[in-house]
Amino acid sequence: MNRKKAIILDRDGTLIEDKNYAYKIEDFELLEGVIKGLKLLQNNFIFFIVTNQSGIGRGYYTIQDFQKFNDHLINVLKKQKIVILKTYFCPHLREENCECRKPKTKFIEDIIKKFNVDIKQSWIIGDHPSDIQFGINAGCRTIFLTTGHGDKHLEELESLGIKPNLICDNFLKAAKEILKLL
C-alpha cells in the first residue's frame, strides 16, 4: 500500500487568528490565504491538525468548548471541500510534562501508524518554535509562519537554534513553496 504524504497543521496562528485561547465561535477568524493554500495542497497531501490547548488545563475553557470551536473550523473547511482527517489536541500545561504536548511526537507517531503516512515526505506548518521542533523531532520538513505569534517568536527560534526548512509570512506562500519542492 502506498504511503501518504501529510501536512500537519498547527491551528491557532496558522489556520485561524490567534486570539489568546480562541474557543468562542464569535472569535473565529480564518487567516488570509488558508483556503487557497489548502486547496493547492489537497491533491498531493492529506491534512491533520495538531494543537497545544493549554487553555483547557488552565481552566479557561472546557474540552467541549474546544471541540465545538474546532468543529466549526472543520465545517468551514468542509464547505470549501477541504478535509481535515483528524484533529489531535493536548489539553495539558507545559509543567505537566505529558507525552502529547508539542514538541513531543506522540501524535505524529499516531498519524504515521493510523494513516500510513510517510513522514519524510510530509510537512509541519506552525507559528511557534515548538511546532518546528515537533517536526524536526519527527523527521519531517517544517515551515515557520510569521503569522499569529510567529513574528514574536522569530528571535526565540534563532536563539534556540531551531532551523525550519522555510520561513513564510502567510499560509498561501507556504503552500506554493511546498508545491515547488514536489
N, C-alpha and C. Protein backbone atom coordinates (compact mmCIF):
# COMPACT_ATOMS: atom_id res chain seq x y z
N MET A 1 0.84 -1.19 0.00
CA MET A 1 0.00 0.00 0.00
C MET A 1 0.88 1.25 0.00
N ASN A 2 0.54 2.20 -0.84
CA ASN A 2 1.30 3.45 -0.93
C ASN A 2 1.19 4.27 0.34
N ARG A 3 2.33 4.78 0.79
CA ARG A 3 2.32 5.65 1.96
C ARG A 3 1.92 7.05 1.52
N LYS A 4 1.19 7.72 2.39
CA LYS A 4 0.64 9.04 2.07
C LYS A 4 1.54 10.15 2.59
N LYS A 5 1.47 11.29 1.92
CA LYS A 5 2.16 12.48 2.39
C LYS A 5 1.13 13.34 3.12
N ALA A 6 1.57 13.94 4.22
CA ALA A 6 0.66 14.73 5.04
C ALA A 6 1.18 16.14 5.25
N ILE A 7 0.23 17.04 5.48
CA ILE A 7 0.53 18.36 6.02
C ILE A 7 -0.07 18.35 7.42
N ILE A 8 0.78 18.53 8.41
CA ILE A 8 0.34 18.55 9.80
C ILE A 8 0.35 20.02 10.22
N LEU A 9 -0.82 20.50 10.56
CA LEU A 9 -1.04 21.92 10.78
C LEU A 9 -1.22 22.26 12.25
N ASP A 10 -0.52 23.29 12.68
CA ASP A 10 -0.87 23.91 13.94
C ASP A 10 -2.21 24.61 13.66
N ARG A 11 -2.95 24.97 14.67
CA ARG A 11 -4.25 25.61 14.43
C ARG A 11 -4.20 27.12 14.67
N ASP A 12 -4.05 27.53 15.92
CA ASP A 12 -4.12 28.95 16.28
C ASP A 12 -2.86 29.67 15.80
N GLY A 13 -3.06 30.69 14.98
CA GLY A 13 -1.94 31.44 14.43
C GLY A 13 -1.44 30.89 13.11
N THR A 14 -1.93 29.71 12.73
CA THR A 14 -1.54 29.09 11.47
C THR A 14 -2.75 29.04 10.53
N LEU A 15 -3.86 28.50 11.02
CA LEU A 15 -5.10 28.44 10.23
C LEU A 15 -6.06 29.57 10.61
N ILE A 16 -6.11 29.85 11.91
CA ILE A 16 -7.04 30.88 12.39
C ILE A 16 -6.28 31.95 13.16
N GLU A 17 -6.92 33.10 13.25
CA GLU A 17 -6.36 34.20 14.03
C GLU A 17 -6.18 33.74 15.47
N ASP A 18 -5.00 33.96 16.03
CA ASP A 18 -4.73 33.54 17.41
C ASP A 18 -5.16 34.66 18.35
N LYS A 19 -6.30 34.46 18.97
CA LYS A 19 -6.87 35.49 19.85
C LYS A 19 -6.74 35.06 21.31
N ASN A 20 -5.54 34.60 21.70
CA ASN A 20 -5.30 34.17 23.07
C ASN A 20 -6.40 33.26 23.60
N TYR A 21 -6.21 31.99 23.39
CA TYR A 21 -7.15 30.97 23.84
C TYR A 21 -8.49 31.08 23.12
N ALA A 22 -8.44 31.02 21.79
CA ALA A 22 -9.65 31.09 20.97
C ALA A 22 -10.51 29.86 21.21
N TYR A 23 -11.73 30.09 21.65
CA TYR A 23 -12.66 28.97 21.83
C TYR A 23 -14.11 29.39 21.59
N LYS A 24 -14.36 30.68 21.41
CA LYS A 24 -15.72 31.16 21.15
C LYS A 24 -15.90 31.33 19.65
N ILE A 25 -16.99 30.79 19.14
CA ILE A 25 -17.23 30.85 17.70
C ILE A 25 -17.28 32.30 17.20
N GLU A 26 -17.76 33.21 18.03
CA GLU A 26 -17.79 34.61 17.59
C GLU A 26 -16.39 35.20 17.42
N ASP A 27 -15.37 34.54 17.98
CA ASP A 27 -13.98 34.99 17.80
C ASP A 27 -13.29 34.29 16.63
N PHE A 28 -13.99 33.38 15.97
CA PHE A 28 -13.40 32.60 14.87
C PHE A 28 -13.07 33.51 13.69
N GLU A 29 -11.84 33.43 13.24
CA GLU A 29 -11.43 34.20 12.05
C GLU A 29 -10.33 33.42 11.33
N LEU A 30 -10.65 32.94 10.14
CA LEU A 30 -9.69 32.22 9.32
C LEU A 30 -8.63 33.20 8.83
N LEU A 31 -7.38 32.79 8.81
CA LEU A 31 -6.32 33.67 8.31
C LEU A 31 -6.36 33.75 6.79
N GLU A 32 -5.92 34.85 6.28
CA GLU A 32 -5.88 35.08 4.84
C GLU A 32 -5.01 34.03 4.14
N GLY A 33 -5.51 33.51 3.03
CA GLY A 33 -4.74 32.57 2.22
C GLY A 33 -4.85 31.11 2.63
N VAL A 34 -5.52 30.82 3.75
CA VAL A 34 -5.60 29.44 4.23
C VAL A 34 -6.41 28.57 3.27
N ILE A 35 -7.59 29.03 2.87
CA ILE A 35 -8.43 28.24 1.96
C ILE A 35 -7.70 27.99 0.64
N LYS A 36 -7.18 29.05 0.03
CA LYS A 36 -6.47 28.89 -1.25
C LYS A 36 -5.27 27.97 -1.10
N GLY A 37 -4.53 28.14 -0.02
CA GLY A 37 -3.35 27.31 0.20
C GLY A 37 -3.69 25.84 0.39
N LEU A 38 -4.70 25.56 1.21
CA LEU A 38 -5.11 24.16 1.42
C LEU A 38 -5.63 23.54 0.13
N LYS A 39 -6.37 24.33 -0.66
CA LYS A 39 -6.87 23.80 -1.94
C LYS A 39 -5.72 23.45 -2.88
N LEU A 40 -4.66 24.27 -2.88
CA LEU A 40 -3.50 23.97 -3.71
C LEU A 40 -2.82 22.66 -3.28
N LEU A 41 -2.81 22.41 -2.00
CA LEU A 41 -2.08 21.26 -1.45
C LEU A 41 -2.88 19.96 -1.44
N GLN A 42 -4.21 20.04 -1.52
CA GLN A 42 -5.02 18.86 -1.23
C GLN A 42 -4.91 17.73 -2.24
N ASN A 43 -4.44 17.98 -3.44
CA ASN A 43 -4.27 16.87 -4.39
C ASN A 43 -3.05 16.02 -4.09
N ASN A 44 -2.11 16.58 -3.32
CA ASN A 44 -0.86 15.89 -3.03
C ASN A 44 -0.70 15.45 -1.58
N PHE A 45 -1.53 15.97 -0.68
CA PHE A 45 -1.36 15.72 0.75
C PHE A 45 -2.69 15.48 1.44
N ILE A 46 -2.61 14.75 2.57
CA ILE A 46 -3.75 14.66 3.48
C ILE A 46 -3.45 15.61 4.65
N PHE A 47 -4.50 16.08 5.33
CA PHE A 47 -4.35 17.12 6.34
C PHE A 47 -4.74 16.66 7.74
N PHE A 48 -3.94 17.11 8.70
CA PHE A 48 -4.21 16.89 10.12
C PHE A 48 -3.96 18.20 10.86
N ILE A 49 -4.63 18.37 11.98
CA ILE A 49 -4.33 19.46 12.90
C ILE A 49 -3.75 18.85 14.16
N VAL A 50 -2.65 19.41 14.65
CA VAL A 50 -2.09 19.05 15.95
C VAL A 50 -1.89 20.35 16.70
N THR A 51 -2.56 20.49 17.83
CA THR A 51 -2.57 21.77 18.54
C THR A 51 -2.43 21.59 20.05
N ASN A 52 -1.58 22.43 20.64
CA ASN A 52 -1.50 22.50 22.11
C ASN A 52 -2.61 23.43 22.57
N GLN A 53 -3.40 22.99 23.53
CA GLN A 53 -4.53 23.78 24.03
C GLN A 53 -4.46 23.88 25.55
N SER A 54 -3.44 24.59 26.04
CA SER A 54 -3.25 24.71 27.49
C SER A 54 -4.36 25.50 28.16
N GLY A 55 -5.17 26.21 27.37
CA GLY A 55 -6.32 26.92 27.94
C GLY A 55 -7.28 25.97 28.64
N ILE A 56 -7.32 24.73 28.18
CA ILE A 56 -8.15 23.71 28.84
C ILE A 56 -7.55 23.41 30.22
N GLY A 57 -6.26 23.15 30.24
CA GLY A 57 -5.57 22.85 31.50
C GLY A 57 -5.60 24.03 32.48
N ARG A 58 -5.66 25.24 31.95
CA ARG A 58 -5.71 26.43 32.80
C ARG A 58 -7.13 26.72 33.30
N GLY A 59 -8.10 25.99 32.75
CA GLY A 59 -9.49 26.20 33.15
C GLY A 59 -10.18 27.36 32.45
N TYR A 60 -9.58 27.87 31.36
CA TYR A 60 -10.19 28.98 30.62
C TYR A 60 -11.39 28.52 29.80
N TYR A 61 -11.36 27.28 29.35
CA TYR A 61 -12.47 26.68 28.60
C TYR A 61 -12.40 25.17 28.75
N THR A 62 -13.46 24.50 28.35
CA THR A 62 -13.56 23.05 28.53
C THR A 62 -13.19 22.31 27.23
N ILE A 63 -13.03 21.01 27.35
CA ILE A 63 -12.80 20.18 26.15
C ILE A 63 -14.00 20.33 25.21
N GLN A 64 -15.21 20.41 25.77
CA GLN A 64 -16.41 20.58 24.93
C GLN A 64 -16.37 21.93 24.19
N ASP A 65 -15.92 22.99 24.86
CA ASP A 65 -15.77 24.30 24.19
C ASP A 65 -14.78 24.17 23.03
N PHE A 66 -13.65 23.51 23.30
CA PHE A 66 -12.64 23.31 22.27
C PHE A 66 -13.23 22.56 21.08
N GLN A 67 -13.94 21.47 21.37
CA GLN A 67 -14.49 20.64 20.29
C GLN A 67 -15.53 21.39 19.47
N LYS A 68 -16.36 22.17 20.13
CA LYS A 68 -17.38 22.95 19.42
C LYS A 68 -16.70 23.96 18.47
N PHE A 69 -15.68 24.65 18.98
CA PHE A 69 -14.96 25.64 18.18
C PHE A 69 -14.23 24.95 17.02
N ASN A 70 -13.56 23.83 17.33
CA ASN A 70 -12.81 23.12 16.30
C ASN A 70 -13.75 22.52 15.25
N ASP A 71 -14.90 22.01 15.67
CA ASP A 71 -15.89 21.50 14.71
C ASP A 71 -16.34 22.60 13.77
N HIS A 72 -16.46 23.83 14.29
CA HIS A 72 -16.82 24.96 13.44
C HIS A 72 -15.76 25.16 12.35
N LEU A 73 -14.49 25.13 12.74
CA LEU A 73 -13.39 25.26 11.76
C LEU A 73 -13.47 24.13 10.73
N ILE A 74 -13.63 22.91 11.17
CA ILE A 74 -13.68 21.75 10.27
C ILE A 74 -14.84 21.91 9.28
N ASN A 75 -15.99 22.39 9.76
CA ASN A 75 -17.16 22.58 8.88
C ASN A 75 -16.95 23.71 7.89
N VAL A 76 -16.30 24.79 8.30
CA VAL A 76 -15.99 25.89 7.38
C VAL A 76 -15.10 25.36 6.25
N LEU A 77 -14.11 24.56 6.61
CA LEU A 77 -13.21 23.99 5.59
C LEU A 77 -13.94 22.98 4.72
N LYS A 78 -14.80 22.16 5.33
CA LYS A 78 -15.56 21.15 4.59
C LYS A 78 -16.44 21.80 3.51
N LYS A 79 -17.02 22.96 3.84
CA LYS A 79 -17.85 23.68 2.86
C LYS A 79 -17.02 24.12 1.65
N GLN A 80 -15.72 24.23 1.84
CA GLN A 80 -14.79 24.57 0.75
C GLN A 80 -14.19 23.31 0.11
N LYS A 81 -14.74 22.14 0.51
CA LYS A 81 -14.28 20.84 0.01
C LYS A 81 -12.84 20.53 0.45
N ILE A 82 -12.50 20.96 1.65
CA ILE A 82 -11.19 20.69 2.27
C ILE A 82 -11.45 19.79 3.48
N VAL A 83 -10.73 18.66 3.53
CA VAL A 83 -10.97 17.68 4.60
C VAL A 83 -9.75 17.61 5.52
N ILE A 84 -10.01 17.83 6.79
CA ILE A 84 -9.02 17.57 7.84
C ILE A 84 -9.35 16.18 8.37
N LEU A 85 -8.44 15.23 8.20
CA LEU A 85 -8.76 13.85 8.58
C LEU A 85 -8.94 13.69 10.08
N LYS A 86 -8.16 14.40 10.87
CA LYS A 86 -8.30 14.29 12.32
C LYS A 86 -7.61 15.47 12.98
N THR A 87 -8.17 15.90 14.11
CA THR A 87 -7.55 16.91 14.96
C THR A 87 -7.06 16.23 16.22
N TYR A 88 -5.80 16.43 16.53
CA TYR A 88 -5.20 15.96 17.77
C TYR A 88 -4.93 17.18 18.64
N PHE A 89 -5.26 17.09 19.93
CA PHE A 89 -5.00 18.25 20.79
C PHE A 89 -4.48 17.80 22.15
N CYS A 90 -3.59 18.61 22.68
CA CYS A 90 -3.05 18.40 24.02
C CYS A 90 -3.70 19.41 24.95
N PRO A 91 -4.44 18.96 25.98
CA PRO A 91 -5.10 19.88 26.90
C PRO A 91 -4.24 20.25 28.11
N HIS A 92 -3.00 19.75 28.14
CA HIS A 92 -2.17 19.87 29.34
C HIS A 92 -1.34 21.14 29.38
N LEU A 93 -0.91 21.49 30.58
CA LEU A 93 0.04 22.57 30.78
C LEU A 93 1.45 22.04 30.52
N ARG A 94 2.35 22.91 30.12
CA ARG A 94 3.74 22.52 29.86
C ARG A 94 4.33 21.81 31.10
N GLU A 95 4.01 22.35 32.28
CA GLU A 95 4.55 21.83 33.53
C GLU A 95 4.14 20.38 33.80
N GLU A 96 3.08 19.91 33.19
CA GLU A 96 2.61 18.54 33.42
C GLU A 96 3.50 17.51 32.74
N ASN A 97 4.34 17.98 31.81
CA ASN A 97 5.30 17.11 31.12
C ASN A 97 4.63 15.85 30.55
N CYS A 98 3.50 16.02 29.88
CA CYS A 98 2.75 14.91 29.28
C CYS A 98 3.47 14.41 28.03
N GLU A 99 2.95 13.36 27.45
CA GLU A 99 3.53 12.80 26.23
C GLU A 99 2.94 13.39 24.95
N CYS A 100 1.84 14.16 25.07
CA CYS A 100 1.16 14.62 23.86
C CYS A 100 1.42 16.08 23.50
N ARG A 101 2.08 16.83 24.35
CA ARG A 101 2.32 18.25 24.07
C ARG A 101 3.49 18.42 23.11
N LYS A 102 3.25 19.19 22.03
CA LYS A 102 4.35 19.50 21.12
C LYS A 102 5.44 20.20 21.92
N PRO A 103 6.69 19.89 21.73
CA PRO A 103 7.30 19.20 20.58
C PRO A 103 7.45 17.69 20.70
N LYS A 104 6.83 17.07 21.71
CA LYS A 104 6.88 15.60 21.77
C LYS A 104 6.07 15.03 20.61
N THR A 105 6.42 13.85 20.15
CA THR A 105 5.92 13.35 18.86
C THR A 105 4.82 12.29 18.95
N LYS A 106 4.20 12.13 20.10
CA LYS A 106 3.17 11.10 20.25
C LYS A 106 2.11 11.18 19.14
N PHE A 107 1.61 12.38 18.86
CA PHE A 107 0.54 12.50 17.87
C PHE A 107 1.04 12.20 16.45
N ILE A 108 2.27 12.56 16.14
CA ILE A 108 2.81 12.21 14.82
C ILE A 108 2.95 10.70 14.71
N GLU A 109 3.42 10.07 15.76
CA GLU A 109 3.53 8.60 15.74
C GLU A 109 2.16 7.97 15.50
N ASP A 110 1.13 8.52 16.13
CA ASP A 110 -0.24 8.02 15.91
C ASP A 110 -0.66 8.20 14.45
N ILE A 111 -0.36 9.37 13.89
CA ILE A 111 -0.72 9.67 12.49
C ILE A 111 -0.01 8.69 11.55
N ILE A 112 1.27 8.47 11.77
CA ILE A 112 2.05 7.57 10.91
C ILE A 112 1.43 6.17 10.92
N LYS A 113 1.13 5.66 12.11
CA LYS A 113 0.58 4.30 12.24
C LYS A 113 -0.84 4.20 11.68
N LYS A 114 -1.70 5.12 12.10
CA LYS A 114 -3.11 5.00 11.75
C LYS A 114 -3.39 5.32 10.27
N PHE A 115 -2.63 6.25 9.69
CA PHE A 115 -2.95 6.72 8.34
C PHE A 115 -1.88 6.37 7.31
N ASN A 116 -0.88 5.56 7.71
CA ASN A 116 0.16 5.12 6.79
C ASN A 116 0.87 6.30 6.11
N VAL A 117 1.32 7.24 6.92
CA VAL A 117 1.94 8.46 6.41
C VAL A 117 3.46 8.28 6.32
N ASP A 118 4.00 8.75 5.21
CA ASP A 118 5.45 8.82 5.01
C ASP A 118 5.90 10.16 5.58
N ILE A 119 6.40 10.15 6.80
CA ILE A 119 6.71 11.40 7.49
C ILE A 119 7.85 12.16 6.82
N LYS A 120 8.76 11.48 6.16
CA LYS A 120 9.87 12.16 5.49
C LYS A 120 9.40 12.98 4.28
N GLN A 121 8.23 12.63 3.74
CA GLN A 121 7.66 13.37 2.61
C GLN A 121 6.56 14.34 3.07
N SER A 122 6.45 14.52 4.37
CA SER A 122 5.39 15.33 4.95
C SER A 122 5.95 16.64 5.53
N TRP A 123 5.03 17.53 5.89
CA TRP A 123 5.40 18.86 6.38
C TRP A 123 4.62 19.20 7.64
N ILE A 124 5.27 19.96 8.52
CA ILE A 124 4.61 20.61 9.66
C ILE A 124 4.59 22.10 9.32
N ILE A 125 3.45 22.75 9.56
CA ILE A 125 3.35 24.20 9.39
C ILE A 125 2.86 24.78 10.71
N GLY A 126 3.62 25.74 11.25
CA GLY A 126 3.22 26.35 12.51
C GLY A 126 3.90 27.68 12.78
N ASP A 127 3.44 28.35 13.84
CA ASP A 127 3.94 29.69 14.16
C ASP A 127 4.66 29.77 15.51
N HIS A 128 5.00 28.62 16.08
CA HIS A 128 5.73 28.58 17.35
C HIS A 128 6.99 27.73 17.20
N PRO A 129 8.04 28.05 17.94
CA PRO A 129 9.23 27.19 17.90
C PRO A 129 8.90 25.72 18.23
N SER A 130 7.93 25.50 19.12
CA SER A 130 7.57 24.11 19.46
C SER A 130 6.99 23.36 18.25
N ASP A 131 6.32 24.07 17.35
CA ASP A 131 5.81 23.42 16.13
C ASP A 131 6.96 22.93 15.26
N ILE A 132 7.97 23.78 15.12
CA ILE A 132 9.11 23.43 14.27
C ILE A 132 9.93 22.31 14.93
N GLN A 133 10.15 22.41 16.23
CA GLN A 133 10.88 21.35 16.94
C GLN A 133 10.12 20.03 16.86
N PHE A 134 8.81 20.09 16.91
CA PHE A 134 7.92 18.93 16.75
C PHE A 134 8.21 18.24 15.42
N GLY A 135 8.25 19.00 14.35
CA GLY A 135 8.54 18.45 13.04
C GLY A 135 9.94 17.88 12.93
N ILE A 136 10.91 18.62 13.47
CA ILE A 136 12.30 18.15 13.45
C ILE A 136 12.42 16.84 14.24
N ASN A 137 11.81 16.80 15.42
CA ASN A 137 11.85 15.59 16.24
C ASN A 137 11.26 14.38 15.53
N ALA A 138 10.27 14.63 14.67
CA ALA A 138 9.60 13.53 13.96
C ALA A 138 10.28 13.18 12.64
N GLY A 139 11.19 14.03 12.19
CA GLY A 139 11.90 13.75 10.94
C GLY A 139 11.19 14.22 9.69
N CYS A 140 10.35 15.24 9.82
CA CYS A 140 9.70 15.76 8.61
C CYS A 140 10.14 17.20 8.35
N ARG A 141 9.71 17.74 7.24
CA ARG A 141 10.08 19.10 6.86
C ARG A 141 9.16 20.10 7.55
N THR A 142 9.65 21.31 7.72
CA THR A 142 8.94 22.30 8.53
C THR A 142 8.88 23.66 7.87
N ILE A 143 7.76 24.34 8.11
CA ILE A 143 7.61 25.74 7.69
C ILE A 143 7.17 26.53 8.91
N PHE A 144 7.94 27.57 9.19
CA PHE A 144 7.60 28.50 10.27
C PHE A 144 6.87 29.68 9.65
N LEU A 145 5.66 29.95 10.16
CA LEU A 145 4.89 31.09 9.67
C LEU A 145 5.06 32.27 10.63
N THR A 146 5.21 33.45 10.06
CA THR A 146 5.30 34.65 10.90
C THR A 146 3.92 35.25 11.14
N THR A 147 2.87 34.47 10.86
CA THR A 147 1.50 34.86 11.21
C THR A 147 1.31 34.55 12.69
N GLY A 148 0.16 34.83 13.23
CA GLY A 148 -0.09 34.51 14.64
C GLY A 148 0.98 35.12 15.53
N HIS A 149 1.61 34.27 16.34
CA HIS A 149 2.67 34.73 17.23
C HIS A 149 4.04 34.59 16.58
N GLY A 150 4.09 34.18 15.33
CA GLY A 150 5.35 33.89 14.65
C GLY A 150 6.35 35.03 14.68
N ASP A 151 5.89 36.26 14.40
CA ASP A 151 6.80 37.40 14.42
C ASP A 151 7.49 37.53 15.77
N LYS A 152 6.72 37.34 16.85
CA LYS A 152 7.26 37.47 18.21
C LYS A 152 8.27 36.36 18.51
N HIS A 153 8.12 35.20 17.86
CA HIS A 153 8.95 34.05 18.18
C HIS A 153 10.14 33.85 17.24
N LEU A 154 10.28 34.72 16.25
CA LEU A 154 11.37 34.57 15.29
C LEU A 154 12.73 34.60 15.98
N GLU A 155 12.93 35.55 16.89
CA GLU A 155 14.18 35.65 17.63
C GLU A 155 14.41 34.42 18.50
N GLU A 156 13.34 33.97 19.16
CA GLU A 156 13.42 32.78 20.03
C GLU A 156 13.84 31.55 19.22
N LEU A 157 13.28 31.43 18.03
CA LEU A 157 13.62 30.32 17.13
C LEU A 157 15.13 30.31 16.89
N GLU A 158 15.67 31.49 16.57
CA GLU A 158 17.11 31.61 16.30
C GLU A 158 17.93 31.34 17.55
N SER A 159 17.52 31.90 18.70
CA SER A 159 18.32 31.73 19.93
C SER A 159 18.32 30.27 20.40
N LEU A 160 17.26 29.54 20.09
CA LEU A 160 17.19 28.12 20.46
C LEU A 160 17.91 27.23 19.44
N GLY A 161 18.32 27.83 18.32
CA GLY A 161 18.99 27.06 17.28
C GLY A 161 18.06 26.13 16.52
N ILE A 162 16.77 26.47 16.51
CA ILE A 162 15.78 25.66 15.79
C ILE A 162 15.69 26.20 14.36
N LYS A 163 15.97 25.34 13.38
CA LYS A 163 16.04 25.79 11.99
C LYS A 163 14.94 25.13 11.14
N PRO A 164 13.88 25.89 10.83
CA PRO A 164 12.86 25.36 9.93
C PRO A 164 13.42 25.26 8.51
N ASN A 165 12.81 24.41 7.69
CA ASN A 165 13.21 24.34 6.29
C ASN A 165 12.90 25.64 5.57
N LEU A 166 11.76 26.25 5.91
CA LEU A 166 11.34 27.50 5.26
C LEU A 166 10.68 28.41 6.29
N ILE A 167 10.74 29.70 6.03
CA ILE A 167 10.00 30.69 6.82
C ILE A 167 9.16 31.48 5.82
N CYS A 168 7.86 31.59 6.08
CA CYS A 168 6.95 32.30 5.18
C CYS A 168 6.08 33.25 6.00
N ASP A 169 5.62 34.33 5.34
CA ASP A 169 4.80 35.30 6.07
C ASP A 169 3.30 35.11 5.89
N ASN A 170 2.90 34.09 5.13
CA ASN A 170 1.47 33.73 5.08
C ASN A 170 1.30 32.31 4.57
N PHE A 171 0.12 31.77 4.80
CA PHE A 171 -0.14 30.37 4.50
C PHE A 171 -0.08 30.07 3.00
N LEU A 172 -0.62 30.96 2.19
CA LEU A 172 -0.62 30.72 0.74
C LEU A 172 0.80 30.63 0.20
N LYS A 173 1.69 31.50 0.65
CA LYS A 173 3.10 31.43 0.22
C LYS A 173 3.71 30.11 0.65
N ALA A 174 3.39 29.67 1.86
CA ALA A 174 3.91 28.39 2.35
C ALA A 174 3.46 27.24 1.44
N ALA A 175 2.19 27.24 1.08
CA ALA A 175 1.65 26.19 0.21
C ALA A 175 2.37 26.20 -1.15
N LYS A 176 2.58 27.36 -1.71
CA LYS A 176 3.26 27.47 -3.01
C LYS A 176 4.70 26.97 -2.91
N GLU A 177 5.38 27.27 -1.80
CA GLU A 177 6.76 26.80 -1.60
C GLU A 177 6.81 25.28 -1.53
N ILE A 178 5.86 24.69 -0.82
CA ILE A 178 5.81 23.23 -0.72
C ILE A 178 5.64 22.62 -2.10
N LEU A 179 4.74 23.17 -2.90
CA LEU A 179 4.48 22.62 -4.25
C LEU A 179 5.72 22.73 -5.15
N LYS A 180 6.49 23.78 -4.97
CA LYS A 180 7.73 23.92 -5.77
C LYS A 180 8.71 22.78 -5.48
N LEU A 181 8.63 22.23 -4.28
CA LEU A 181 9.58 21.21 -3.85
C LEU A 181 9.11 19.79 -4.10
N LEU A 182 7.94 19.64 -4.72
CA LEU A 182 7.43 18.27 -5.00
C LEU A 182 8.23 17.63 -6.12
